[in-house]
Amino acid sequence: MPSAHRTIHLQINTEHRLDQAVWRPSAHWDLRPWGLLPELVVVHCISLPEGQYGTGAPQRLFTGVLDCAEHSSFADLEGLKVAPHVLIDRLGQLEQFVGFDKRAWHAGASTWRGRNSCNDFSIGVELEGSVADDYTVAQYRTLIQLVITLMGMYPQISADAVVGHCDIAPVRKTDPGPRFDWLRVITQVHQKLETLW
């Protein structure tokens, strides 16, 4: 298990997958519109059931094998086809479901800076969590390093192009929620970028 204080190093390979992530392929994706590359990182949160961690249910949802009879709260997930590119669990460990060059189905109806259909040009990152809970130090560490790595691989992503699901679909979504420390993430991303320049 990675230390909460140690810098981690991530690498994206030629298949647009993280070498350090467990690969759990999902069928919930299609091709991006021709010529579009990632320009935006969208941060989400998920726990199934809500507020319960380590259940494996989000992974089953993303890979299309969740039995919605497992829990009464899963009823509205029946038939849902959704997946982020990456999930960061409470320990800061990474699982990847869709290659970054593909269009994962994570954002739904959404708008960013006047552009609709954010799935076309974004990367979806799920944090195992709830809008009612704090995120872990390990999750912030991994997320910050992931953003830096993505910016290095896809230079169209700028430091101000890291947003919450709530920012691109404010009527429908509230995640990652009020307990997410945006100042911490943005400050540390900028600090790390300065050391690279």
Protein backbone atom coordinates (compact mmCIF):
# COMPACT_ATOMS: atom_id res chain seq x y z
CA MET A 1 0.00 0.00 0.00
CA PRO A 2 1.49 3.39 -0.94
CA SER A 3 2.42 5.79 1.85
CA ALA A 4 0.16 8.78 2.29
CA HIS A 5 3.22 11.07 2.28
CA ARG A 6 5.36 9.53 -0.46
CA THR A 7 5.36 10.98 -3.96
CA ILE A 8 4.07 8.44 -6.43
CA HIS A 9 5.13 8.22 -10.05
CA LEU A 10 2.61 7.45 -12.75
CA GLN A 11 3.17 6.62 -16.39
CA ILE A 12 0.72 6.42 -19.27
CA ASN A 13 1.62 3.82 -21.88
CA THR A 14 1.04 3.70 -25.64
CA GLU A 15 -2.42 2.17 -25.06
CA HIS A 16 -3.37 5.29 -23.08
CA ARG A 17 -3.49 3.32 -19.85
CA LEU A 18 -1.73 3.86 -16.55
CA ASP A 19 0.96 1.27 -15.90
CA GLN A 20 0.29 1.64 -12.16
CA ALA A 21 -3.48 1.02 -12.35
CA VAL A 22 -5.33 -2.26 -12.12
CA TRP A 23 -6.96 -2.71 -15.53
CA ARG A 24 -10.67 -3.58 -15.38
CA PRO A 25 -11.97 -3.12 -18.92
CA SER A 26 -15.45 -1.70 -19.31
CA ALA A 27 -17.66 -1.77 -22.40
CA HIS A 28 -19.15 1.61 -21.44
CA TRP A 29 -17.28 3.76 -23.92
CA ASP A 30 -17.06 4.66 -27.59
CA LEU A 31 -14.73 6.67 -29.79
CA ARG A 32 -14.21 10.38 -29.28
CA PRO A 33 -15.26 12.60 -32.17
CA TRP A 34 -12.53 12.69 -34.79
CA GLY A 35 -9.64 14.94 -33.86
CA LEU A 36 -10.70 15.57 -30.25
CA LEU A 37 -8.20 14.93 -27.48
CA PRO A 38 -8.68 15.24 -23.71
CA GLU A 39 -8.90 18.87 -22.59
CA LEU A 40 -10.74 18.54 -19.28
CA VAL A 41 -10.56 16.44 -16.11
CA VAL A 42 -13.87 15.83 -14.34
CA VAL A 43 -13.80 14.72 -10.70
CA HIS A 44 -16.68 12.58 -9.47
CA CYS A 45 -17.35 10.56 -6.33
CA ILE A 46 -19.11 7.26 -5.79
CA SER A 47 -19.91 4.80 -3.03
CA LEU A 48 -22.35 1.91 -3.27
CA PRO A 49 -24.27 1.73 -1.06
CA GLU A 50 -23.89 5.42 -0.25
CA GLY A 51 -21.22 6.01 2.37
CA GLN A 52 -19.99 2.39 2.35
CA TYR A 53 -16.50 1.73 1.05
CA GLY A 54 -14.63 -1.29 -0.19
CA THR A 55 -17.77 -3.08 -1.36
CA GLY A 56 -16.62 -3.56 -4.96
CA ALA A 57 -20.04 -2.43 -6.16
CA PRO A 58 -18.80 0.63 -8.08
CA GLN A 59 -16.39 -1.58 -10.01
CA ARG A 60 -19.21 -4.00 -10.82
CA LEU A 61 -21.36 -1.09 -11.98
CA PHE A 62 -18.63 0.25 -14.24
CA THR A 63 -18.00 -3.16 -15.80
CA GLY A 64 -21.67 -3.95 -16.28
CA VAL A 65 -21.96 -6.84 -13.83
CA LEU A 66 -23.68 -5.19 -10.86
CA ASP A 67 -26.66 -7.16 -9.59
CA CYS A 68 -29.10 -4.41 -8.73
CA ALA A 69 -30.91 -6.79 -6.38
CA GLU A 70 -27.88 -6.67 -4.07
CA HIS A 71 -29.21 -3.62 -2.24
CA SER A 72 -32.46 -1.67 -2.30
CA SER A 73 -30.65 1.57 -3.17
CA PHE A 74 -29.39 0.04 -6.43
CA ALA A 75 -32.84 -0.14 -8.03
CA ASP A 76 -32.38 3.04 -10.06
CA LEU A 77 -29.07 1.73 -11.45
CA GLU A 78 -30.77 -1.02 -13.45
CA GLY A 79 -29.62 -0.84 -17.06
CA LEU A 80 -27.28 2.09 -16.41
CA LYS A 81 -24.21 2.09 -18.64
CA VAL A 82 -21.61 4.31 -17.03
CA ALA A 83 -17.89 4.25 -16.41
CA PRO A 84 -15.13 6.71 -15.60
CA HIS A 85 -11.68 6.35 -17.03
CA VAL A 86 -10.21 5.86 -13.55
CA LEU A 87 -11.28 5.16 -9.97
CA ILE A 88 -9.15 6.18 -6.97
CA ASP A 89 -10.06 4.16 -3.88
CA ARG A 90 -9.77 5.25 -0.24
CA LEU A 91 -6.17 3.97 -0.10
CA GLY A 92 -5.19 6.02 -3.13
CA GLN A 93 -4.93 2.99 -5.38
CA LEU A 94 -5.91 3.23 -9.02
CA GLU A 95 -8.21 1.15 -11.19
CA GLN A 96 -8.71 1.98 -14.86
CA PHE A 97 -11.76 1.05 -16.91
CA VAL A 98 -11.34 2.94 -20.20
CA GLY A 99 -8.28 4.12 -22.10
CA PHE A 100 -7.79 7.87 -21.94
CA ASP A 101 -8.00 8.18 -25.72
CA LYS A 102 -11.55 6.77 -25.66
CA ARG A 103 -14.82 8.49 -24.70
CA ALA A 104 -15.91 7.02 -21.37
CA TRP A 105 -19.55 7.49 -20.42
CA HIS A 106 -19.15 9.40 -17.17
CA ALA A 107 -20.48 12.95 -17.42
CA GLY A 108 -23.92 12.66 -19.02
CA ALA A 109 -25.61 15.86 -20.15
CA SER A 110 -23.02 18.53 -19.39
CA THR A 111 -21.57 21.89 -20.42
CA TRP A 112 -18.17 23.48 -19.91
CA ARG A 113 -17.31 26.97 -21.12
CA GLY A 114 -20.20 26.91 -23.56
CA ARG A 115 -19.39 23.46 -24.95
CA ASN A 116 -21.86 20.63 -24.55
CA SER A 117 -21.23 16.88 -24.27
CA CYS A 118 -18.18 16.97 -22.04
CA ASN A 119 -17.59 13.25 -22.49
CA ASP A 120 -16.28 14.13 -25.95
CA PHE A 121 -13.22 15.93 -24.61
CA SER A 122 -12.84 14.98 -20.94
CA ILE A 123 -11.32 12.38 -18.66
CA GLY A 124 -13.50 11.11 -15.83
CA VAL A 125 -11.95 10.40 -12.44
CA GLU A 126 -14.08 8.80 -9.73
CA LEU A 127 -13.04 9.10 -6.10
CA GLU A 128 -14.38 6.41 -3.80
CA GLY A 129 -16.29 8.66 -1.45
CA SER A 130 -19.43 10.55 -0.62
CA VAL A 131 -20.38 14.22 -0.68
CA ALA A 132 -20.92 13.85 3.09
CA ASP A 133 -17.43 12.53 3.90
CA ASP A 134 -13.89 13.83 3.78
CA TYR A 135 -11.57 12.37 1.17
CA THR A 136 -8.33 10.73 2.29
CA VAL A 137 -4.79 12.09 2.13
CA ALA A 138 -3.88 9.16 -0.10
CA GLN A 139 -6.66 10.03 -2.54
CA TYR A 140 -5.53 13.64 -2.82
CA ARG A 141 -1.93 12.55 -3.35
CA THR A 142 -2.89 10.18 -6.15
CA LEU A 143 -5.34 12.62 -7.76
CA ILE A 144 -2.77 15.43 -7.83
CA GLN A 145 -0.12 13.19 -9.37
CA LEU A 146 -2.68 11.85 -11.85
CA VAL A 147 -3.60 15.38 -12.96
CA ILE A 148 0.08 16.25 -13.45
CA THR A 149 0.63 13.04 -15.44
CA LEU A 150 -2.42 13.67 -17.61
CA MET A 151 -1.29 17.23 -18.32
CA GLY A 152 2.08 15.90 -19.42
CA MET A 153 0.53 13.37 -21.78
CA TYR A 154 -2.27 15.58 -23.06
CA PRO A 155 -1.00 19.19 -23.13
CA GLN A 156 -4.46 20.48 -24.09
CA ILE A 157 -5.39 19.99 -20.41
CA SER A 158 -4.55 23.16 -18.48
CA ALA A 159 -4.31 23.63 -14.72
CA ASP A 160 -7.68 25.40 -14.69
CA ALA A 161 -9.36 22.55 -16.58
CA VAL A 162 -9.88 20.36 -13.53
CA VAL A 163 -13.52 20.57 -12.44
CA GLY A 164 -16.17 18.73 -10.47
CA HIS A 165 -19.17 16.95 -11.95
CA CYS A 166 -21.15 19.66 -10.15
CA ASP A 167 -19.47 22.32 -12.31
CA ILE A 168 -20.49 20.81 -15.65
CA ALA A 169 -23.93 19.52 -14.62
CA PRO A 170 -24.96 21.76 -11.71
CA VAL A 171 -28.69 21.05 -11.94
CA ARG A 172 -28.20 17.28 -11.70
CA LYS A 173 -25.01 16.70 -9.74
CA THR A 174 -23.29 17.82 -6.53
CA ASP A 175 -20.15 15.67 -6.55
CA PRO A 176 -17.42 15.71 -5.43
CA GLY A 177 -19.24 17.82 -2.86
CA PRO A 178 -18.50 20.58 -0.35
CA ARG A 179 -15.93 18.54 1.60
CA PHE A 180 -13.64 18.22 -1.39
CA ASP A 181 -10.58 20.43 -0.89
CA TRP A 182 -10.26 22.24 -4.21
CA LEU A 183 -7.73 24.72 -2.81
CA ARG A 184 -5.42 21.86 -1.84
CA VAL A 185 -5.64 20.23 -5.26
CA ILE A 186 -5.21 23.36 -7.36
CA THR A 187 -2.42 24.75 -5.15
CA GLN A 188 -0.43 21.52 -5.22
CA VAL A 189 -0.93 21.06 -8.95
CA HIS A 190 0.46 24.55 -9.57
CA GLN A 191 3.36 23.94 -7.16
CA LYS A 192 4.30 20.70 -8.89
CA LEU A 193 4.06 22.34 -12.29
CA GLU A 194 6.43 25.09 -11.17
CA THR A 195 9.05 22.51 -10.22
CA LEU A 196 8.78 20.98 -13.71
CA TRP A 197 9.29 24.25 -15.56
